[in-house]
Amino acid sequence: MIVAQISDTHIVLDIPDADQRIRDFALTIADINALNPGPEVIIHTGDIVHNGQQDEYAQAVAIIATARAPVYVLAGNRDNRTNLREAFAPHGYLAPDSDFIEYAIDDYPVRLIALDTLSSGSNKGDFCPERISHLIDLIDAETTKPIAVFMHHPPFEITVGPDALNFERTEIVSALQQALQHSGRVIAGFSGHVHRAAAGQIGDIPATVVPCIATTLRKGVYPDYMKRRPIYHIHRFDPLWGFTTETRIVGTELSF
């Protein structure tokens, strides 16, 4: 099984680098489309748009419509749940009566679970008791498949960048980590948010962070040939080895 993960496209329509962000997103989808073999699924781990506005989502939906593989989205701190749900409602996987953007995908050898770490009070993550309970229900609803969990905010310490902790409180991270580990079947965690690559552990679960697609917002130092090339991750699952992650540089033959 192959999963393409993209994140932090930050589509916006009224600032100087708006066209670059749209171009970065479109080029990334085109690059994924050209992969051979291609992914079974593409997952966008949030901050689809920058201001949560309907016209921004309309632009994002138009780009996503060019993808050959099914695309699933979740909410980042810049997203608006109501407008996101409305924009992607035709795809049928977002519950219209839920307060949160959370769901499971059962069509693949690995069960994919999307979490909502959006906080209403800050750009850092939150995961309230209601979401903890729902996560446990999602994990326990199917007991035979391994599980990969996707979320916007990484629930582990990031040792580079301005914030080591990307949730509002350490207690939230501890509760989320405990919920993810309780079944022993979650084998990987994937997130975005920090606009740079990182790797860590959610307890004993390996976890990675994908850089942002928007090249003008990407953090870290890159060689000249990469500065205007978006970066995304390909996660390959093997029943024996679990997930391995490849970093793809859009528009080149290079990966690492």
Protein backbone atom coordinates (compact mmCIF):
# COMPACT_ATOMS: atom_id res chain seq x y z
CA MET A 1 0.00 0.00 0.00
CA ILE A 2 1.24 3.51 -0.89
CA VAL A 3 0.01 6.71 0.77
CA ALA A 4 0.98 10.18 -0.44
CA GLN A 5 0.92 12.77 2.35
CA ILE A 6 0.74 16.50 1.65
CA SER A 7 0.22 19.30 4.13
CA ASP A 8 0.06 23.04 4.73
CA THR A 9 -0.81 24.31 1.28
CA HIS A 10 -2.14 27.57 2.83
CA ILE A 11 -4.13 28.58 -0.24
CA VAL A 12 -4.90 32.29 -0.20
CA LEU A 13 -6.11 34.64 -2.92
CA ASP A 14 -5.17 38.19 -1.98
CA ILE A 15 -1.51 38.43 -0.99
CA PRO A 16 1.69 38.72 -3.09
CA ASP A 17 2.64 35.03 -2.98
CA ALA A 18 -0.90 33.72 -3.58
CA ASP A 19 -0.09 32.55 -7.12
CA GLN A 20 3.02 30.74 -5.90
CA ARG A 21 1.03 28.81 -3.28
CA ILE A 22 -1.54 27.78 -5.89
CA ARG A 23 1.25 26.77 -8.24
CA ASP A 24 3.01 24.75 -5.52
CA PHE A 25 -0.20 22.83 -4.78
CA ALA A 26 -0.99 22.17 -8.44
CA LEU A 27 2.56 21.02 -9.22
CA THR A 28 2.48 18.66 -6.25
CA ILE A 29 -0.73 16.98 -7.38
CA ALA A 30 0.70 16.68 -10.91
CA ASP A 31 3.87 15.10 -9.51
CA ILE A 32 1.86 12.57 -7.50
CA ASN A 33 -0.21 11.78 -10.59
CA ALA A 34 2.99 10.96 -12.49
CA LEU A 35 4.28 8.43 -9.93
CA ASN A 36 4.57 4.83 -11.13
CA PRO A 37 3.33 3.04 -9.17
CA GLY A 38 1.01 5.71 -7.90
CA PRO A 39 -0.48 5.92 -4.41
CA GLU A 40 -3.76 4.29 -3.50
CA VAL A 41 -4.67 7.39 -1.51
CA ILE A 42 -3.57 10.99 -0.90
CA ILE A 43 -4.05 12.53 2.55
CA HIS A 44 -3.83 16.26 3.21
CA THR A 45 -2.97 16.82 6.88
CA GLY A 46 -4.42 20.29 7.23
CA ASP A 47 -3.99 24.01 6.73
CA ILE A 48 -5.51 23.49 3.31
CA VAL A 49 -6.23 27.21 3.12
CA HIS A 50 -4.89 30.19 5.03
CA ASN A 51 -7.96 32.10 6.20
CA GLY A 52 -10.68 29.43 6.21
CA GLN A 53 -12.68 31.26 3.55
CA GLN A 54 -15.08 29.67 1.08
CA ASP A 55 -13.37 31.11 -2.00
CA GLU A 56 -10.03 29.71 -0.81
CA TYR A 57 -11.58 26.27 -0.40
CA ALA A 58 -13.10 26.52 -3.88
CA GLN A 59 -9.59 27.02 -5.30
CA ALA A 60 -8.24 24.11 -3.25
CA VAL A 61 -11.09 21.81 -4.33
CA ALA A 62 -10.41 22.66 -7.99
CA ILE A 63 -6.76 21.61 -7.63
CA ILE A 64 -7.61 18.45 -5.69
CA ALA A 65 -10.10 17.50 -8.41
CA THR A 66 -7.14 16.90 -10.75
CA ALA A 67 -5.75 14.10 -8.54
CA ARG A 68 -5.98 10.56 -9.89
CA ALA A 69 -6.06 8.95 -6.45
CA PRO A 70 -8.76 9.61 -3.84
CA VAL A 71 -7.90 12.59 -1.63
CA TYR A 72 -8.88 12.85 2.03
CA VAL A 73 -8.48 16.05 4.05
CA LEU A 74 -8.40 17.04 7.70
CA ALA A 75 -8.41 20.32 9.56
CA GLY A 76 -5.37 22.40 10.49
CA ASN A 77 -5.26 25.45 12.71
CA ARG A 78 -5.85 27.78 9.72
CA ASP A 79 -8.89 25.83 8.53
CA ASN A 80 -12.53 26.57 9.28
CA ARG A 81 -14.43 23.40 10.09
CA THR A 82 -17.77 24.62 8.71
CA ASN A 83 -16.38 25.84 5.39
CA LEU A 84 -14.07 22.82 5.05
CA ARG A 85 -16.98 20.42 5.63
CA GLU A 86 -19.14 22.29 3.12
CA ALA A 87 -16.39 22.33 0.48
CA PHE A 88 -15.69 18.60 0.74
CA ALA A 89 -19.20 17.35 1.57
CA PRO A 90 -19.73 15.88 -1.93
CA HIS A 91 -16.95 13.37 -1.28
CA GLY A 92 -19.11 11.71 1.37
CA TYR A 93 -16.58 10.84 4.10
CA LEU A 94 -17.14 13.81 6.44
CA ALA A 95 -19.96 13.33 8.95
CA PRO A 96 -22.34 16.31 8.57
CA ASP A 97 -23.51 16.16 12.21
CA SER A 98 -20.10 16.04 13.92
CA ASP A 99 -18.43 18.93 15.70
CA PHE A 100 -15.03 17.66 14.55
CA ILE A 101 -13.34 16.57 11.31
CA GLU A 102 -12.63 12.97 12.33
CA TYR A 103 -13.20 9.71 10.45
CA ALA A 104 -11.76 6.33 9.51
CA ILE A 105 -11.00 4.92 6.06
CA ASP A 106 -11.46 1.15 5.85
CA ASP A 107 -10.78 0.46 2.17
CA TYR A 108 -7.10 -0.51 2.46
CA PRO A 109 -4.85 -3.06 4.21
CA VAL A 110 -4.10 -0.40 6.83
CA ARG A 111 -6.96 1.34 8.57
CA LEU A 112 -6.47 5.10 8.19
CA ILE A 113 -7.77 7.37 10.95
CA ALA A 114 -7.96 11.16 10.60
CA LEU A 115 -7.96 13.24 13.78
CA ASP A 116 -9.06 16.81 14.46
CA THR A 117 -6.44 18.64 16.57
CA LEU A 118 -7.81 22.11 15.80
CA SER A 119 -8.05 24.48 18.76
CA SER A 120 -10.57 27.31 18.84
CA GLY A 121 -8.25 29.40 21.00
CA SER A 122 -4.79 29.25 19.43
CA ASN A 123 -2.75 27.91 16.55
CA LYS A 124 -1.49 25.10 18.77
CA GLY A 125 -3.22 21.75 18.99
CA ASP A 126 -6.03 20.63 21.24
CA PHE A 127 -7.63 17.24 21.86
CA CYS A 128 -10.50 17.38 24.33
CA PRO A 129 -12.02 14.44 26.27
CA GLU A 130 -14.78 14.13 23.67
CA ARG A 131 -12.19 13.64 20.94
CA ILE A 132 -10.23 11.19 23.09
CA SER A 133 -13.38 9.10 23.53
CA HIS A 134 -14.14 9.24 19.81
CA LEU A 135 -10.58 8.23 18.93
CA ILE A 136 -10.79 5.17 21.17
CA ASP A 137 -14.12 4.27 19.56
CA LEU A 138 -12.57 4.60 16.09
CA ILE A 139 -9.61 2.40 17.08
CA ASP A 140 -11.84 -0.25 18.66
CA ALA A 141 -14.41 -0.35 15.85
CA GLU A 142 -12.20 -2.70 13.81
CA THR A 143 -9.80 -5.12 15.49
CA THR A 144 -7.94 -6.94 12.69
CA LYS A 145 -6.04 -4.29 10.72
CA PRO A 146 -3.00 -2.22 11.66
CA ILE A 147 -3.79 1.49 11.99
CA ALA A 148 -2.08 4.64 10.74
CA VAL A 149 -3.20 7.93 12.28
CA PHE A 150 -3.07 11.30 10.53
CA MET A 151 -3.33 14.64 12.35
CA HIS A 152 -2.24 18.22 11.84
CA HIS A 153 -0.25 18.88 15.02
CA PRO A 154 2.58 16.46 15.91
CA PRO A 155 1.99 14.99 19.40
CA PHE A 156 5.66 14.69 20.25
CA GLU A 157 8.50 17.11 20.93
CA ILE A 158 10.01 18.86 17.90
CA THR A 159 13.60 19.75 18.75
CA VAL A 160 13.98 22.28 15.92
CA GLY A 161 11.87 25.39 15.43
CA PRO A 162 10.40 27.87 17.89
CA ASP A 163 8.03 25.51 19.73
CA ALA A 164 9.09 22.15 21.08
CA LEU A 165 5.49 21.43 22.08
CA ASN A 166 2.84 22.03 19.44
CA PHE A 167 -0.17 21.40 21.66
CA GLU A 168 -1.59 23.84 24.18
CA ARG A 169 -0.64 21.76 27.23
CA THR A 170 1.52 18.75 27.98
CA GLU A 171 -1.48 16.96 29.54
CA ILE A 172 -3.22 16.98 26.15
CA VAL A 173 -0.23 15.33 24.51
CA SER A 174 -0.06 12.70 27.26
CA ALA A 175 -3.76 11.87 26.95
CA LEU A 176 -3.54 11.64 23.16
CA GLN A 177 -0.44 9.45 23.32
CA GLN A 178 -2.13 7.09 25.79
CA ALA A 179 -5.22 6.80 23.59
CA LEU A 180 -3.11 6.04 20.52
CA GLN A 181 -1.19 3.31 22.35
CA HIS A 182 -4.03 1.60 24.17
CA SER A 183 -4.79 -1.03 21.50
CA GLY A 184 -1.25 -1.79 20.34
CA ARG A 185 -2.47 -1.66 16.71
CA VAL A 186 -1.50 1.91 15.79
CA ILE A 187 1.76 1.45 13.88
CA ALA A 188 2.45 4.98 12.61
CA GLY A 189 1.55 8.63 13.14
CA PHE A 190 1.78 11.27 10.42
CA SER A 191 1.37 15.04 10.81
CA GLY A 192 2.28 18.48 9.44
CA HIS A 193 1.99 21.97 10.96
CA VAL A 194 5.63 22.81 11.71
CA HIS A 195 6.52 23.49 8.04
CA ARG A 196 9.66 21.36 8.19
CA ALA A 197 10.49 17.66 8.26
CA ALA A 198 10.85 15.92 11.60
CA ALA A 199 10.68 12.44 13.06
CA GLY A 200 9.93 11.20 16.55
CA GLN A 201 7.94 8.78 18.67
CA ILE A 202 4.41 8.73 20.07
CA GLY A 203 5.34 6.45 22.93
CA ASP A 204 6.52 3.40 21.00
CA ILE A 205 4.78 4.45 17.76
CA PRO A 206 7.07 5.90 15.04
CA ALA A 207 5.94 9.30 13.78
CA THR A 208 6.95 11.72 11.03
CA VAL A 209 6.19 15.30 10.04
CA VAL A 210 5.98 16.37 6.41
CA PRO A 211 7.20 19.84 5.30
CA CYS A 212 4.65 22.35 4.03
CA ILE A 213 3.78 22.35 0.34
CA ALA A 214 3.78 26.17 0.25
CA THR A 215 7.44 26.86 -0.56
CA THR A 216 7.30 30.49 0.58
CA LEU A 217 6.37 29.31 4.10
CA ARG A 218 8.73 26.34 4.41
CA LYS A 219 11.14 26.33 7.36
CA GLY A 220 14.73 25.16 7.30
CA VAL A 221 17.67 25.62 4.94
CA TYR A 222 17.46 24.18 1.42
CA PRO A 223 19.83 24.19 -1.56
CA ASP A 224 18.97 26.55 -4.39
CA TYR A 225 17.50 23.87 -6.66
CA MET A 226 14.93 23.00 -3.95
CA LYS A 227 13.82 26.46 -2.87
CA ARG A 228 10.86 26.63 -5.27
CA ARG A 229 10.16 22.90 -5.38
CA PRO A 230 7.48 21.59 -3.03
CA ILE A 231 8.24 18.56 -0.89
CA TYR A 232 5.87 15.79 0.15
CA HIS A 233 6.06 12.30 1.64
CA ILE A 234 5.34 8.86 0.24
CA HIS A 235 4.58 6.26 2.91
CA ARG A 236 4.88 2.63 1.79
CA PHE A 237 3.38 -0.12 3.93
CA ASP A 238 4.68 -3.66 4.04
CA PRO A 239 2.97 -6.25 6.28
CA LEU A 240 6.35 -7.41 7.59
CA TRP A 241 8.19 -4.11 7.98
CA GLY A 242 5.44 -1.58 8.53
CA PHE A 243 5.81 1.89 7.00
CA THR A 244 8.85 3.38 5.31
CA THR A 245 8.81 7.04 4.29
CA GLU A 246 10.28 8.60 1.16
CA THR A 247 10.68 12.35 0.73
CA ARG A 248 9.72 13.49 -2.76
CA ILE A 249 10.97 16.71 -4.37
CA VAL A 250 8.44 17.96 -6.92
CA GLY A 251 9.67 18.32 -10.47
CA THR A 252 12.88 16.35 -10.13
CA GLU A 253 13.89 12.72 -10.26
CA LEU A 254 15.39 13.06 -6.80
CA SER A 255 14.03 11.63 -3.59
CA PHE A 256 15.57 10.75 -0.26
